[in-house]
């Protein structure tokens, strides 16, 4: 059974930093690409960062240069280091794995950035 558990969300002031974590179980973690999505009220879930099984990363334009995605395969974990946070970064952040054509998400972790 695939399980993803996110943590690390919090309320911070603009300009602050947070590090989100995602721990996976039930899968052979190292072979899968990991995605981080953000959900804000009234908007579709938005892909913000991706890390491939080989460590190649990509970012949505608004977070490039401020967010860093990483993974630790020995810990079945992925991370999203967020710096220079802005109020528009507020939302629920989810990690995601597409496991043999089925998308799996965790329960999400709330990030709130106040101005």
Protein backbone atom coordinates (compact mmCIF):
# COMPACT_ATOMS: atom_id res chain seq x y z
CA UNK A 1 0.00 0.00 0.00
CA UNK A 2 1.44 3.34 -1.08
CA UNK A 3 1.53 5.93 1.66
CA UNK A 4 2.89 9.47 1.59
CA UNK A 5 3.11 11.64 4.68
CA UNK A 6 3.97 15.33 4.46
CA UNK A 7 5.09 17.50 7.34
CA UNK A 8 6.81 20.79 8.07
CA UNK A 9 4.10 23.28 7.20
CA UNK A 10 3.68 26.29 9.44
CA UNK A 11 2.69 29.94 9.60
CA UNK A 12 5.54 32.33 8.81
CA UNK A 13 6.12 35.95 7.92
CA UNK A 14 6.94 36.97 4.37
CA UNK A 15 10.63 36.48 3.72
CA UNK A 16 10.80 33.47 6.01
CA UNK A 17 11.77 29.89 5.27
CA UNK A 18 10.31 26.45 5.73
CA UNK A 19 11.42 22.92 4.95
CA UNK A 20 8.72 20.45 4.01
CA UNK A 21 9.25 16.71 4.24
CA UNK A 22 7.56 13.80 2.53
CA UNK A 23 8.08 10.25 3.75
CA UNK A 24 6.98 7.42 1.48
CA UNK A 25 6.22 3.80 2.28
CA UNK A 26 4.96 0.82 0.34
CA UNK A 27 7.04 1.53 -2.76
CA UNK A 28 10.54 1.11 -4.11
CA UNK A 29 11.15 4.80 -3.51
CA UNK A 30 14.45 5.36 -5.41
CA UNK A 31 12.96 4.53 -8.83
CA UNK A 32 10.15 7.09 -8.73
CA UNK A 33 9.93 10.73 -9.64
CA UNK A 34 8.58 12.87 -6.81
CA UNK A 35 6.37 15.90 -7.36
CA UNK A 36 5.39 18.69 -4.98
CA UNK A 37 2.03 20.33 -5.60
CA UNK A 38 0.38 23.36 -4.04
CA UNK A 39 -3.38 23.82 -3.56
CA UNK A 40 -4.81 27.27 -2.95
CA UNK A 41 -8.50 28.13 -2.53
CA UNK A 42 -10.30 28.59 -5.81
CA UNK A 43 -7.40 27.28 -7.89
CA UNK A 44 -6.43 23.96 -9.35
CA UNK A 45 -3.66 22.02 -7.70
CA UNK A 46 -0.42 23.44 -9.09
CA UNK A 47 2.83 21.59 -9.71
CA UNK A 48 5.64 23.57 -8.07
CA UNK A 49 8.65 21.25 -8.11
CA UNK A 50 9.80 17.87 -9.37
CA UNK A 51 12.80 15.66 -8.73
CA UNK A 52 13.48 12.68 -10.95
CA UNK A 53 14.80 9.33 -9.80
CA UNK A 54 18.20 10.52 -11.04
CA UNK A 55 18.03 13.77 -9.13
CA UNK A 56 17.12 16.11 -11.98
CA UNK A 57 14.97 18.96 -10.71
CA UNK A 58 12.49 21.35 -12.26
CA UNK A 59 10.45 24.22 -10.85
CA UNK A 60 7.40 26.29 -11.58
CA UNK A 61 8.46 29.77 -12.65
CA UNK A 62 7.21 31.62 -9.57
CA UNK A 63 9.28 29.49 -7.17
CA UNK A 64 12.46 29.13 -9.21
CA UNK A 65 15.43 30.46 -7.28
CA UNK A 66 13.52 30.33 -3.98
CA UNK A 67 12.57 26.65 -3.58
CA UNK A 68 14.88 23.64 -3.70
CA UNK A 69 13.60 20.08 -4.02
CA UNK A 70 15.77 17.20 -2.84
CA UNK A 71 15.53 13.55 -1.89
CA UNK A 72 17.18 11.07 0.41
CA UNK A 73 16.57 7.61 -0.97
CA UNK A 74 18.02 5.94 2.11
CA UNK A 75 15.23 7.54 4.14
CA UNK A 76 12.48 7.16 1.52
CA UNK A 77 12.08 10.90 1.83
CA UNK A 78 11.79 14.01 -0.29
CA UNK A 79 12.10 17.60 0.82
CA UNK A 80 11.07 21.04 -0.32
CA UNK A 81 13.25 23.83 1.06
CA UNK A 82 11.36 27.09 0.68
CA UNK A 83 13.03 30.47 1.17
CA UNK A 84 12.03 34.09 0.62
CA UNK A 85 8.44 33.05 1.14
CA UNK A 86 5.68 35.28 -0.17
CA UNK A 87 1.98 35.50 0.77
CA UNK A 88 1.12 33.96 -2.59
CA UNK A 89 3.01 30.81 -1.54
CA UNK A 90 0.22 30.16 0.98
CA UNK A 91 -1.55 26.86 0.44
CA UNK A 92 -1.61 23.18 1.20
CA UNK A 93 1.46 21.40 -0.12
CA UNK A 94 1.27 17.79 -1.24
CA UNK A 95 3.89 15.35 -2.41
CA UNK A 96 2.92 13.04 -5.22
CA UNK A 97 4.09 9.84 -6.84
CA UNK A 98 2.66 8.38 -9.99
CA UNK A 99 2.79 4.70 -9.12
CA UNK A 100 2.23 2.62 -12.24
CA UNK A 101 -0.27 5.12 -13.75
CA UNK A 102 -2.05 5.86 -10.45
CA UNK A 103 -1.44 9.20 -8.75
CA UNK A 104 -0.89 9.07 -5.01
CA UNK A 105 -0.92 12.11 -2.73
CA UNK A 106 -0.38 12.53 0.95
CA UNK A 107 -2.74 14.40 3.25
CA UNK A 108 -0.86 17.65 2.68
CA UNK A 109 0.74 20.18 4.97
CA UNK A 110 -0.47 23.76 5.39
CA UNK A 111 1.83 26.68 4.66
CA UNK A 112 0.62 30.15 5.55
CA UNK A 113 2.70 33.21 4.73
CA UNK A 114 1.60 36.54 6.16
CA UNK A 115 2.69 39.94 4.91
